[in-house]
Amino acid sequence: MKDIVWIIIVLLIVGWLFGYLSFGAVVGNMIHILLIVAVVLIVLRLLQKI
């Protein structure tokens, strides 16, 4: 289960980078939502380790 969370985090960040570099302003808000979700998942994952 722990590996699945990291896979989701990586996919969200890669999706954000791809969207940001490819589409820029066209889907700007969706890209930033993906980044926020990825950051939240990273924070939650780090808090679970403590």
PDB file of N, CA and C in Angstrom:
ATOM      1  N   MET A   1       0.821  -1.194   0.000  1.00  0.00           N
ATOM      2  CA  MET A   1       0.000   0.000   0.000  1.00  0.00           C
ATOM      3  C   MET A   1       0.868   1.262   0.000  1.00  0.00           C
ATOM      4  N   LYS A   2       1.986   1.208   0.674  1.00  0.00           N
ATOM      5  CA  LYS A   2       2.868   2.371   0.737  1.00  0.00           C
ATOM      6  C   LYS A   2       3.446   2.704  -0.634  1.00  0.00           C
ATOM      7  N   ASP A   3       3.757   1.668  -1.414  1.00  0.00           N
ATOM      8  CA  ASP A   3       4.309   1.897  -2.745  1.00  0.00           C
ATOM      9  C   ASP A   3       3.283   2.533  -3.669  1.00  0.00           C
ATOM     10  N   ILE A   4       2.024   2.208  -3.490  1.00  0.00           N
ATOM     11  CA  ILE A   4       0.971   2.767  -4.335  1.00  0.00           C
ATOM     12  C   ILE A   4       0.883   4.276  -4.143  1.00  0.00           C
ATOM     13  N   VAL A   5       1.020   4.736  -2.911  1.00  0.00           N
ATOM     14  CA  VAL A   5       0.968   6.177  -2.637  1.00  0.00           C
ATOM     15  C   VAL A   5       2.109   6.882  -3.352  1.00  0.00           C
ATOM     16  N   TRP A   6       3.307   6.314  -3.304  1.00  0.00           N
ATOM     17  CA  TRP A   6       4.449   6.933  -3.975  1.00  0.00           C
ATOM     18  C   TRP A   6       4.261   6.923  -5.483  1.00  0.00           C
ATOM     19  N   ILE A   7       3.681   5.865  -6.031  1.00  0.00           N
ATOM     20  CA  ILE A   7       3.423   5.806  -7.470  1.00  0.00           C
ATOM     21  C   ILE A   7       2.439   6.900  -7.867  1.00  0.00           C
ATOM     22  N   ILE A   8       1.399   7.097  -7.069  1.00  0.00           N
ATOM     23  CA  ILE A   8       0.420   8.147  -7.354  1.00  0.00           C
ATOM     24  C   ILE A   8       1.080   9.520  -7.284  1.00  0.00           C
ATOM     25  N   ILE A   9       1.919   9.736  -6.296  1.00  0.00           N
ATOM     26  CA  ILE A   9       2.622  11.017  -6.158  1.00  0.00           C
ATOM     27  C   ILE A   9       3.481  11.285  -7.384  1.00  0.00           C
ATOM     28  N   VAL A  10       4.250  10.292  -7.799  1.00  0.00           N
ATOM     29  CA  VAL A  10       5.129  10.457  -8.957  1.00  0.00           C
ATOM     30  C   VAL A  10       4.310  10.718 -10.221  1.00  0.00           C
ATOM     31  N   LEU A  11       3.221   9.982 -10.411  1.00  0.00           N
ATOM     32  CA  LEU A  11       2.377  10.188 -11.591  1.00  0.00           C
ATOM     33  C   LEU A  11       1.769  11.588 -11.611  1.00  0.00           C
ATOM     34  N   LEU A  12       1.340  12.086 -10.456  1.00  0.00           N
ATOM     35  CA  LEU A  12       0.780  13.431 -10.402  1.00  0.00           C
ATOM     36  C   LEU A  12       1.821  14.495 -10.727  1.00  0.00           C
ATOM     37  N   ILE A  13       3.023  14.327 -10.218  1.00  0.00           N
ATOM     38  CA  ILE A  13       4.077  15.307 -10.500  1.00  0.00           C
ATOM     39  C   ILE A  13       4.498  15.253 -11.963  1.00  0.00           C
ATOM     40  N   VAL A  14       4.626  14.051 -12.512  1.00  0.00           N
ATOM     41  CA  VAL A  14       4.975  13.916 -13.927  1.00  0.00           C
ATOM     42  C   VAL A  14       3.862  14.503 -14.798  1.00  0.00           C
ATOM     43  N   GLY A  15       2.608  14.232 -14.437  1.00  0.00           N
ATOM     44  CA  GLY A  15       1.491  14.800 -15.178  1.00  0.00           C
ATOM     45  C   GLY A  15       1.489  16.319 -15.120  1.00  0.00           C
ATOM     46  N   TRP A  16       1.814  16.858 -13.952  1.00  0.00           N
ATOM     47  CA  TRP A  16       1.890  18.302 -13.815  1.00  0.00           C
ATOM     48  C   TRP A  16       3.001  18.877 -14.699  1.00  0.00           C
ATOM     49  N   LEU A  17       4.180  18.258 -14.665  1.00  0.00           N
ATOM     50  CA  LEU A  17       5.288  18.743 -15.485  1.00  0.00           C
ATOM     51  C   LEU A  17       4.951  18.663 -16.972  1.00  0.00           C
ATOM     52  N   PHE A  18       4.379  17.544 -17.392  1.00  0.00           N
ATOM     53  CA  PHE A  18       4.013  17.373 -18.799  1.00  0.00           C
ATOM     54  C   PHE A  18       2.991  18.422 -19.219  1.00  0.00           C
ATOM     55  N   GLY A  19       1.977  18.610 -18.419  1.00  0.00           N
ATOM     56  CA  GLY A  19       0.951  19.595 -18.735  1.00  0.00           C
ATOM     57  C   GLY A  19       1.483  21.014 -18.728  1.00  0.00           C
ATOM     58  N   TYR A  20       2.339  21.310 -17.790  1.00  0.00           N
ATOM     59  CA  TYR A  20       2.898  22.659 -17.686  1.00  0.00           C
ATOM     60  C   TYR A  20       3.772  22.975 -18.891  1.00  0.00           C
ATOM     61  N   LEU A  21       4.606  22.012 -19.274  1.00  0.00           N
ATOM     62  CA  LEU A  21       5.522  22.242 -20.391  1.00  0.00           C
ATOM     63  C   LEU A  21       4.805  22.166 -21.736  1.00  0.00           C
ATOM     64  N   SER A  22       3.764  21.377 -21.838  1.00  0.00           N
ATOM     65  CA  SER A  22       3.094  21.181 -23.122  1.00  0.00           C
ATOM     66  C   SER A  22       1.972  22.183 -23.379  1.00  0.00           C
ATOM     67  N   PHE A  23       1.139  22.435 -22.386  1.00  0.00           N
ATOM     68  CA  PHE A  23      -0.066  23.208 -22.620  1.00  0.00           C
ATOM     69  C   PHE A  23      -0.053  24.580 -21.967  1.00  0.00           C
ATOM     70  N   GLY A  24       0.811  24.793 -21.019  1.00  0.00           N
ATOM     71  CA  GLY A  24       0.965  26.104 -20.386  1.00  0.00           C
ATOM     72  C   GLY A  24      -0.329  26.720 -19.884  1.00  0.00           C
ATOM     73  N   ALA A  25      -0.752  27.806 -20.507  1.00  0.00           N
ATOM     74  CA  ALA A  25      -1.903  28.577 -20.034  1.00  0.00           C
ATOM     75  C   ALA A  25      -3.243  27.915 -20.355  1.00  0.00           C
ATOM     76  N   VAL A  26      -3.251  26.975 -21.284  1.00  0.00           N
ATOM     77  CA  VAL A  26      -4.520  26.371 -21.709  1.00  0.00           C
ATOM     78  C   VAL A  26      -5.200  25.641 -20.565  1.00  0.00           C
ATOM     79  N   VAL A  27      -4.447  24.870 -19.826  1.00  0.00           N
ATOM     80  CA  VAL A  27      -5.018  24.108 -18.711  1.00  0.00           C
ATOM     81  C   VAL A  27      -4.303  24.438 -17.406  1.00  0.00           C
ATOM     82  N   GLY A  28      -3.955  25.669 -17.247  1.00  0.00           N
ATOM     83  CA  GLY A  28      -3.160  26.109 -16.099  1.00  0.00           C
ATOM     84  C   GLY A  28      -3.742  25.739 -14.756  1.00  0.00           C
ATOM     85  N   ASN A  29      -5.046  25.944 -14.564  1.00  0.00           N
ATOM     86  CA  ASN A  29      -5.645  25.667 -13.261  1.00  0.00           C
ATOM     87  C   ASN A  29      -5.634  24.185 -12.934  1.00  0.00           C
ATOM     88  N   MET A  30      -5.924  23.341 -13.901  1.00  0.00           N
ATOM     89  CA  MET A  30      -5.924  21.894 -13.664  1.00  0.00           C
ATOM     90  C   MET A  30      -4.530  21.395 -13.299  1.00  0.00           C
ATOM     91  N   ILE A  31      -3.535  21.963 -13.944  1.00  0.00           N
ATOM     92  CA  ILE A  31      -2.158  21.555 -13.672  1.00  0.00           C
ATOM     93  C   ILE A  31      -1.777  21.900 -12.236  1.00  0.00           C
ATOM     94  N   HIS A  32      -2.175  23.055 -11.782  1.00  0.00           N
ATOM     95  CA  HIS A  32      -1.829  23.451 -10.422  1.00  0.00           C
ATOM     96  C   HIS A  32      -2.612  22.648  -9.390  1.00  0.00           C
ATOM     97  N   ILE A  33      -3.801  22.228  -9.721  1.00  0.00           N
ATOM     98  CA  ILE A  33      -4.559  21.350  -8.828  1.00  0.00           C
ATOM     99  C   ILE A  33      -3.837  20.019  -8.683  1.00  0.00           C
ATOM    100  N   LEU A  34      -3.312  19.483  -9.787  1.00  0.00           N
ATOM    101  CA  LEU A  34      -2.530  18.243  -9.723  1.00  0.00           C
ATOM    102  C   LEU A  34      -1.316  18.413  -8.819  1.00  0.00           C
ATOM    103  N   LEU A  35      -0.645  19.537  -8.934  1.00  0.00           N
ATOM    104  CA  LEU A  35       0.532  19.785  -8.100  1.00  0.00           C
ATOM    105  C   LEU A  35       0.147  19.874  -6.629  1.00  0.00           C
ATOM    106  N   ILE A  36      -0.941  20.548  -6.341  1.00  0.00           N
ATOM    107  CA  ILE A  36      -1.384  20.672  -4.954  1.00  0.00           C
ATOM    108  C   ILE A  36      -1.735  19.311  -4.377  1.00  0.00           C
ATOM    109  N   VAL A  37      -2.413  18.471  -5.153  1.00  0.00           N
ATOM    110  CA  VAL A  37      -2.756  17.120  -4.693  1.00  0.00           C
ATOM    111  C   VAL A  37      -1.486  16.323  -4.433  1.00  0.00           C
ATOM    112  N   ALA A  38      -0.507  16.424  -5.318  1.00  0.00           N
ATOM    113  CA  ALA A  38       0.750  15.703  -5.129  1.00  0.00           C
ATOM    114  C   ALA A  38       1.472  16.165  -3.869  1.00  0.00           C
ATOM    115  N   VAL A  39       1.507  17.453  -3.629  1.00  0.00           N
ATOM    116  CA  VAL A  39       2.183  17.985  -2.438  1.00  0.00           C
ATOM    117  C   VAL A  39       1.458  17.538  -1.173  1.00  0.00           C
ATOM    118  N   VAL A  40       0.134  17.556  -1.203  1.00  0.00           N
ATOM    119  CA  VAL A  40      -0.632  17.109  -0.043  1.00  0.00           C
ATOM    120  C   VAL A  40      -0.351  15.635   0.243  1.00  0.00           C
ATOM    121  N   LEU A  41      -0.290  14.811  -0.805  1.00  0.00           N
ATOM    122  CA  LEU A  41       0.008  13.393  -0.610  1.00  0.00           C
ATOM    123  C   LEU A  41       1.412  13.189  -0.044  1.00  0.00           C
ATOM    124  N   ILE A  42       2.364  13.980  -0.500  1.00  0.00           N
ATOM    125  CA  ILE A  42       3.736  13.886   0.027  1.00  0.00           C
ATOM    126  C   ILE A  42       3.753  14.248   1.513  1.00  0.00           C
ATOM    127  N   VAL A  43       3.070  15.322   1.877  1.00  0.00           N
ATOM    128  CA  VAL A  43       3.028  15.746   3.284  1.00  0.00           C
ATOM    129  C   VAL A  43       2.370  14.680   4.136  1.00  0.00           C
ATOM    130  N   LEU A  44       1.251  14.140   3.664  1.00  0.00           N
ATOM    131  CA  LEU A  44       0.571  13.079   4.421  1.00  0.00           C
ATOM    132  C   LEU A  44       1.474  11.865   4.583  1.00  0.00           C
ATOM    133  N   ARG A  45       2.181  11.518   3.546  1.00  0.00           N
ATOM    134  CA  ARG A  45       3.088  10.364   3.583  1.00  0.00           C
ATOM    135  C   ARG A  45       4.210  10.599   4.605  1.00  0.00           C
ATOM    136  N   LEU A  46       4.753  11.804   4.605  1.00  0.00           N
ATOM    137  CA  LEU A  46       5.822  12.119   5.553  1.00  0.00           C
ATOM    138  C   LEU A  46       5.300  12.128   6.995  1.00  0.00           C
ATOM    139  N   LEU A  47       4.088  12.602   7.194  1.00  0.00           N
ATOM    140  CA  LEU A  47       3.505  12.622   8.537  1.00  0.00           C
ATOM    141  C   LEU A  47       3.216  11.209   9.037  1.00  0.00           C
ATOM    142  N   GLN A  48       2.913  10.280   8.146  1.00  0.00           N
ATOM    143  CA  GLN A  48       2.656   8.904   8.546  1.00  0.00           C
ATOM    144  C   GLN A  48       3.921   8.219   9.027  1.00  0.00           C
ATOM    145  N   LYS A  49       5.078   8.665   8.549  1.00  0.00           N
ATOM    146  CA  LYS A  49       6.342   8.070   8.969  1.00  0.00           C
ATOM    147  C   LYS A  49       6.724   8.480  10.382  1.00  0.00           C
ATOM    148  N   ILE A  50       6.241   9.625  10.833  1.00  0.00           N
ATOM    149  CA  ILE A  50       6.611  10.152  12.155  1.00  0.00           C
ATOM    150  C   ILE A  50       5.925   9.406  13.256  1.00  0.00           C
TER     151      ILE A  50
END
